[in-house]
C-alpha atoms as a PDB file:
ATOM      1  CA  MET A   1      46.966  -6.382  86.643  1.00  0.00           C
ATOM      2  CA  THR A   2      45.203  -9.717  86.449  1.00  0.00           C
ATOM      3  CA  LEU A   3      47.012 -12.123  84.193  1.00  0.00           C
ATOM      4  CA  ARG A   4      44.965 -13.749  81.482  1.00  0.00           C
ATOM      5  CA  PRO A   5      45.648 -17.221  80.087  1.00  0.00           C
ATOM      6  CA  PHE A   6      47.917 -17.343  77.054  1.00  0.00           C
ATOM      7  CA  HIS A   7      47.215 -19.390  73.907  1.00  0.00           C
ATOM      8  CA  LEU A   8      49.923 -21.281  72.077  1.00  0.00           C
ATOM      9  CA  ALA A   9      49.507 -23.497  68.996  1.00  0.00           C
ATOM     10  CA  PHE A  10      52.429 -25.764  68.111  1.00  0.00           C
ATOM     11  CA  PRO A  11      53.120 -28.632  65.687  1.00  0.00           C
ATOM     12  CA  VAL A  12      53.232 -32.314  66.625  1.00  0.00           C
ATOM     13  CA  HIS A  13      53.894 -35.236  64.311  1.00  0.00           C
ATOM     14  CA  ASP A  14      51.609 -37.692  66.163  1.00  0.00           C
ATOM     15  CA  LEU A  15      48.361 -36.670  67.877  1.00  0.00           C
ATOM     16  CA  ALA A  16      48.059 -39.944  69.834  1.00  0.00           C
ATOM     17  CA  ALA A  17      51.570 -39.437  71.284  1.00  0.00           C
ATOM     18  CA  ALA A  18      50.736 -35.820  72.084  1.00  0.00           C
ATOM     19  CA  ARG A  19      47.473 -36.850  73.768  1.00  0.00           C
ATOM     20  CA  HIS A  20      49.370 -39.362  75.929  1.00  0.00           C
ATOM     21  CA  PHE A  21      52.227 -37.001  76.768  1.00  0.00           C
ATOM     22  CA  TYR A  22      50.234 -33.894  77.581  1.00  0.00           C
ATOM     23  CA  GLY A  23      47.205 -35.687  78.982  1.00  0.00           C
ATOM     24  CA  GLU A  24      48.724 -38.611  80.888  1.00  0.00           C
ATOM     25  CA  VAL A  25      52.329 -37.674  81.605  1.00  0.00           C
ATOM     26  CA  MET A  26      51.816 -33.913  82.137  1.00  0.00           C
ATOM     27  CA  GLY A  27      48.310 -34.235  83.582  1.00  0.00           C
ATOM     28  CA  CYS A  28      46.814 -31.580  81.326  1.00  0.00           C
ATOM     29  CA  PRO A  29      43.024 -31.818  80.991  1.00  0.00           C
ATOM     30  CA  GLU A  30      41.954 -32.146  77.375  1.00  0.00           C
ATOM     31  CA  GLY A  31      39.543 -29.669  75.812  1.00  0.00           C
ATOM     32  CA  ARG A  32      38.127 -29.653  72.289  1.00  0.00           C
ATOM     33  CA  SER A  33      39.772 -31.751  69.628  1.00  0.00           C
ATOM     34  CA  SER A  34      39.454 -32.894  66.022  1.00  0.00           C
ATOM     35  CA  ASP A  35      41.392 -35.240  63.751  1.00  0.00           C
ATOM     36  CA  HIS A  36      43.972 -32.464  63.319  1.00  0.00           C
ATOM     37  CA  TRP A  37      44.378 -30.765  66.697  1.00  0.00           C
ATOM     38  CA  ILE A  38      43.856 -31.109  70.459  1.00  0.00           C
ATOM     39  CA  ASP A  39      43.342 -28.370  73.061  1.00  0.00           C
ATOM     40  CA  PHE A  40      44.994 -28.869  76.466  1.00  0.00           C
ATOM     41  CA  ASP A  41      44.778 -26.957  79.702  1.00  0.00           C
ATOM     42  CA  LEU A  42      48.410 -26.347  80.672  1.00  0.00           C
ATOM     43  CA  PHE A  43      48.140 -24.969  84.224  1.00  0.00           C
ATOM     44  CA  GLY A  44      45.271 -22.703  83.163  1.00  0.00           C
ATOM     45  CA  HIS A  45      46.679 -21.809  79.734  1.00  0.00           C
ATOM     46  CA  GLN A  46      45.387 -23.027  76.393  1.00  0.00           C
ATOM     47  CA  ILE A  47      47.883 -24.914  74.303  1.00  0.00           C
ATOM     48  CA  VAL A  48      46.890 -26.572  71.043  1.00  0.00           C
ATOM     49  CA  ALA A  49      48.786 -29.446  69.492  1.00  0.00           C
ATOM     50  CA  HIS A  50      48.290 -29.216  65.712  1.00  0.00           C
ATOM     51  CA  LEU A  51      49.068 -32.221  63.525  1.00  0.00           C
ATOM     52  CA  ASP A  52      51.994 -31.747  61.147  1.00  0.00           C
ATOM     53  CA  PRO A  53      53.367 -35.178  60.146  1.00  0.00           C
ATOM     54  CA  ALA A  54      56.566 -33.500  58.963  1.00  0.00           C
ATOM     55  CA  ALA A  55      57.165 -31.575  62.196  1.00  0.00           C
ATOM     56  CA  LYS A  56      60.810 -31.586  63.244  1.00  0.00           C
ATOM     57  CA  PRO A  57      62.368 -29.894  66.302  1.00  0.00           C
ATOM     58  CA  ILE A  58      64.621 -26.903  65.799  1.00  0.00           C
ATOM     59  CA  ALA A  59      68.105 -27.520  67.153  1.00  0.00           C
ATOM     60  CA  VAL A  60      69.316 -24.107  68.324  1.00  0.00           C
ATOM     61  CA  GLU A  61      70.766 -23.688  71.789  1.00  0.00           C
ATOM     62  CA  ASN A  62      72.004 -20.729  73.822  1.00  0.00           C
ATOM     63  CA  ALA A  63      74.252 -20.849  76.875  1.00  0.00           C
ATOM     64  CA  VAL A  64      72.559 -19.904  80.167  1.00  0.00           C
ATOM     65  CA  ASP A  65      74.094 -20.536  83.572  1.00  0.00           C
ATOM     66  CA  GLY A  66      76.442 -23.230  82.190  1.00  0.00           C
ATOM     67  CA  HIS A  67      73.712 -25.147  80.317  1.00  0.00           C
ATOM     68  CA  GLN A  68      72.696 -25.237  76.666  1.00  0.00           C
ATOM     69  CA  VAL A  69      69.077 -24.020  76.559  1.00  0.00           C
ATOM     70  CA  PRO A  70      66.993 -25.098  73.553  1.00  0.00           C
ATOM     71  CA  VAL A  71      65.408 -22.323  71.498  1.00  0.00           C
ATOM     72  CA  PRO A  72      62.531 -22.081  70.957  1.00  0.00           C
ATOM     73  CA  HIS A  73      60.875 -23.464  74.059  1.00  0.00           C
ATOM     74  CA  PHE A  74      57.754 -22.800  76.103  1.00  0.00           C
ATOM     75  CA  GLY A  75      56.364 -23.599  79.521  1.00  0.00           C
ATOM     76  CA  VAL A  76      54.848 -22.084  82.629  1.00  0.00           C
ATOM     77  CA  VAL A  77      56.158 -20.441  85.781  1.00  0.00           C
ATOM     78  CA  LEU A  78      54.733 -22.634  88.557  1.00  0.00           C
ATOM     79  CA  THR A  79      54.641 -22.466  92.318  1.00  0.00           C
ATOM     80  CA  MET A  80      57.523 -24.401  93.923  1.00  0.00           C
ATOM     81  CA  PRO A  81      55.206 -27.204  95.131  1.00  0.00           C
ATOM     82  CA  ASP A  82      53.662 -27.579  91.645  1.00  0.00           C
ATOM     83  CA  TRP A  83      57.130 -27.499  90.031  1.00  0.00           C
ATOM     84  CA  GLU A  84      58.353 -30.223  92.395  1.00  0.00           C
ATOM     85  CA  LYS A  85      55.280 -32.388  91.624  1.00  0.00           C
ATOM     86  CA  LEU A  86      55.751 -31.961  87.880  1.00  0.00           C
ATOM     87  CA  ALA A  87      59.477 -32.809  88.113  1.00  0.00           C
ATOM     88  CA  ALA A  88      58.601 -36.011  89.993  1.00  0.00           C
ATOM     89  CA  ARG A  89      55.808 -36.856  87.501  1.00  0.00           C
ATOM     90  CA  VAL A  90      58.091 -36.386  84.466  1.00  0.00           C
ATOM     91  CA  GLU A  91      60.887 -38.406  86.057  1.00  0.00           C
ATOM     92  CA  ALA A  92      58.503 -41.214  87.072  1.00  0.00           C
ATOM     93  CA  ALA A  93      57.289 -41.374  83.439  1.00  0.00           C
ATOM     94  CA  GLY A  94      60.851 -41.974  82.275  1.00  0.00           C
ATOM     95  CA  ILE A  95      61.080 -38.762  80.268  1.00  0.00           C
ATOM     96  CA  SER A  96      64.667 -37.681  79.660  1.00  0.00           C
ATOM     97  CA  PHE A  97      65.525 -34.227  80.857  1.00  0.00           C
ATOM     98  CA  GLY A  98      67.501 -32.012  78.495  1.00  0.00           C
ATOM     99  CA  ILE A  99      68.412 -30.024  81.571  1.00  0.00           C
ATOM    100  CA  ALA A 100      67.601 -31.887  84.796  1.00  0.00           C
ATOM    101  CA  PRO A 101      65.764 -30.034  87.563  1.00  0.00           C
ATOM    102  CA  TYR A 102      68.077 -27.651  89.412  1.00  0.00           C
ATOM    103  CA  VAL A 103      68.227 -24.164  90.921  1.00  0.00           C
ATOM    104  CA  ARG A 104      69.646 -21.498  88.581  1.00  0.00           C
ATOM    105  CA  PHE A 105      71.148 -18.147  89.707  1.00  0.00           C
ATOM    106  CA  LYS A 106      71.312 -19.462  93.292  1.00  0.00           C
ATOM    107  CA  GLY A 107      71.562 -16.612  95.800  1.00  0.00           C
ATOM    108  CA  GLN A 108      71.055 -13.962  93.120  1.00  0.00           C
ATOM    109  CA  PRO A 109      68.066 -11.880  92.077  1.00  0.00           C
ATOM    110  CA  GLY A 110      66.004 -14.112  89.814  1.00  0.00           C
ATOM    111  CA  GLU A 111      66.925 -17.354  91.605  1.00  0.00           C
ATOM    112  CA  GLN A 112      64.747 -20.042  90.088  1.00  0.00           C
ATOM    113  CA  ALA A 113      64.192 -23.772  89.887  1.00  0.00           C
ATOM    114  CA  THR A 114      64.139 -24.901  86.271  1.00  0.00           C
ATOM    115  CA  MET A 115      63.951 -28.015  84.147  1.00  0.00           C
ATOM    116  CA  PHE A 116      63.814 -28.741  80.408  1.00  0.00           C
ATOM    117  CA  PHE A 117      62.490 -31.749  78.534  1.00  0.00           C
ATOM    118  CA  ARG A 118      60.951 -32.464  75.132  1.00  0.00           C
ATOM    119  CA  ASP A 119      57.549 -33.786  74.063  1.00  0.00           C
ATOM    120  CA  PRO A 120      57.368 -36.770  71.650  1.00  0.00           C
ATOM    121  CA  SER A 121      57.548 -34.388  68.646  1.00  0.00           C
ATOM    122  CA  GLY A 122      60.718 -32.756  69.971  1.00  0.00           C
ATOM    123  CA  ASN A 123      59.129 -29.489  71.217  1.00  0.00           C
ATOM    124  CA  ALA A 124      61.262 -28.135  74.025  1.00  0.00           C
ATOM    125  CA  LEU A 125      59.497 -27.331  77.307  1.00  0.00           C
ATOM    126  CA  GLU A 126      60.751 -25.387  80.312  1.00  0.00           C
ATOM    127  CA  PHE A 127      59.011 -25.193  83.628  1.00  0.00           C
ATOM    128  CA  LYS A 128      60.337 -22.987  86.403  1.00  0.00           C
ATOM    129  CA  ALA A 129      59.495 -21.714  89.880  1.00  0.00           C
ATOM    130  CA  PHE A 130      60.956 -18.749  91.686  1.00  0.00           C
ATOM    131  CA  ALA A 131      62.114 -18.629  95.288  1.00  0.00           C
ATOM    132  CA  ASP A 132      60.439 -15.125  95.187  1.00  0.00           C
ATOM    133  CA  ASP A 133      57.878 -14.475  92.477  1.00  0.00           C
ATOM    134  CA  ALA A 134      58.713 -10.752  92.691  1.00  0.00           C
ATOM    135  CA  MET A 135      62.025 -11.668  91.012  1.00  0.00           C
ATOM    136  CA  LEU A 136      60.365 -12.913  87.797  1.00  0.00           C
ATOM    137  CA  PHE A 137      61.628  -9.869  85.879  1.00  0.00           C
ATOM    138  CA  ALA A 138      64.740  -9.116  87.966  1.00  0.00           C
ATOM    139  CA  THR A 139      67.373  -7.313  85.935  1.00  0.00           C
ATOM    140  CA  GLU A 140      70.422  -7.676  88.195  1.00  0.00           C
ATOM    141  CA  MET A 141      71.606 -11.181  87.394  1.00  0.00           C
ATOM    142  CA  THR A 142      74.658 -12.621  85.733  1.00  0.00           C
ATOM    143  CA  ALA A 143      74.417 -14.435  82.396  1.00  0.00           C
END
C-alpha cells in the first residue's frame, strides 16, 4: 500500500507566531494562506493552522514509559536522520521540550526515538523514529 499524505486542521491563537514556528523553526514550506489560515507542508503532509483567538491547549496527560504524554498531540514518524536534525533544530531555536528527545521501549519491539514539544498556541507535537520501521505497529511491548 502506498501511503497518502494526511490532512490536519488545528487551532492557533496567533497566525504570525504559527507562521514563524512552523515555517522558520520547523522548516515547513508554506502553501496557500488567508487572513484566517495557513497551509504548511509537514514532511509531505498538509497541516492547516486556523486562527482561533480563543484557542487554549487541552491539559490531559497519559503515562507512557515513565513520562506524561500530552493528549491530544500530532506529529510524523520520521527517519532517524530526519528526527535527529529536527531535534537539533528545535533545541537550537530554544523551544522547551515537554519530553526531551530519548529512546523509548529500548531493546523491545517498537523501540523508538521520540520527543514532545508545543507550538506557540500550546498544541502538543510528537515526532518519532523507529530503529526498525517494521515495528511501527508492534503489539508485544510493555506499557
